[in-house]
């Protein structure tokens, strides 16, 4: 039965899911599954495929009703979702401007395979799970994953393109729809975590002119080395100050405009594949960029980041500035004016309702259990790094853990429901222009 094949996919998305999915797949195997339950265009949907989706949904937490009527209702809901997916995939395939390359699909498949394999103690255990999921080989599983990934990319590309063209504008839900959504889903809402709200001015030490000159000189010398054939990944691992990408040879992955800082993007989106940029100055330092591949509105790139050295004297000046800003706020100076003048643009200034579990360790140590609103003593973050910063911090609110109210989630529901209504309206249009036959 194909339903058991979801064991491996469930493992990729839900910790501990394989055994549950396998058991559920065994129960599903007792049902007659080899029949067509729907046709979309010229594409049939089999009952076995519906069972696969049910197994995956249960691995992700779906509670299956115990009565037959309830189970059939869930199956109808899953089938409806599969029809919707097929409508979008077929529309994307008809659009000649939407391209999905074999390479990007294989990149995603490889990432999924690696994530799954990490969860097995040995190759033998992994191969045994493949057999339990009724895949004849890892290669067969990879082909199955590739098909799923290609379909997911097609759907996302089509919807993104329609939004960019203004053809998928959110449909504002009515108050009645908001309330209905809340009533139907509030039992599944998680508890509101303990959280704090605050505003801050983060002051970062700036390199002096001599340090900037040395960093630029190093970046320029590396450009020469790279253009003479040095491996970009090796140079990145040795010299890049970007800890997030350094060990991957400077790899940044695919990105669109609006993700990186403007100076970086302006150069990255002009480069041809394989070109090495001149040093690109940003607030982070000097970037050397290489674009590997391009596709409409996206580039795959890597970089080396060279940051100027921050001297102890510059760190001391930043601390003095933070103390001065703190004192000015105590005297009633404008927070916004001081933030514009002294604040690090990369750090948030107003942070609402941040769960305490997401509060960085430096902040946790500085704030502790303090629940009294007001300005707090200046504290340092990143003290063990080469680029520490100083935080002028004002606590505005602290909330204990509790049940979420409608008012607290109303804006989030409005945004999410508006997008759902828009996509549903588009699907209704596709249903009117595409042959759809549902077979109970």
Foldseek 3Di string as FASTA:
>chain_A
DLLLLCLLVLVLPAPPLNVVLLVLSVVVVVDDWADFFKAWFNRTDTSSNLSNVVSSVVSVPDDQDPDPVSNVVVSVVSVVVVSLLVLQLVVLVVDPQDDDDLVVLLVVLVVSVVSSVVVDPDPVRVVVSCVSSVHPDVVSVSVVSSVVSVSVSSNVVVVVVCVVVVNQDFDFDDPVVLVVVCVVCQVVDDWQFWFFWWFKFKFWQDADPVLQVVLLVVQQVVLVVVVVPDDQLVCLLVAAPPPVCNPVSQWDAKDAPPPDDPQVVVVQVPDDAPDWDRFGDDSQGTKIKHWHDDGVRMTTIGIGGGGGFGDPVSVVVQVVLLVVVLVCVVVPDDPVVSNVVGGDPVDGGIGPTDRPVPDDPQVCVQCPPDFDFAWGDKGWPPPVDRIIMIMGMTTDGIDHIGRDDSVNCSVVSRVVVSSVVSSVVVSVVSPVVIDMDGHD
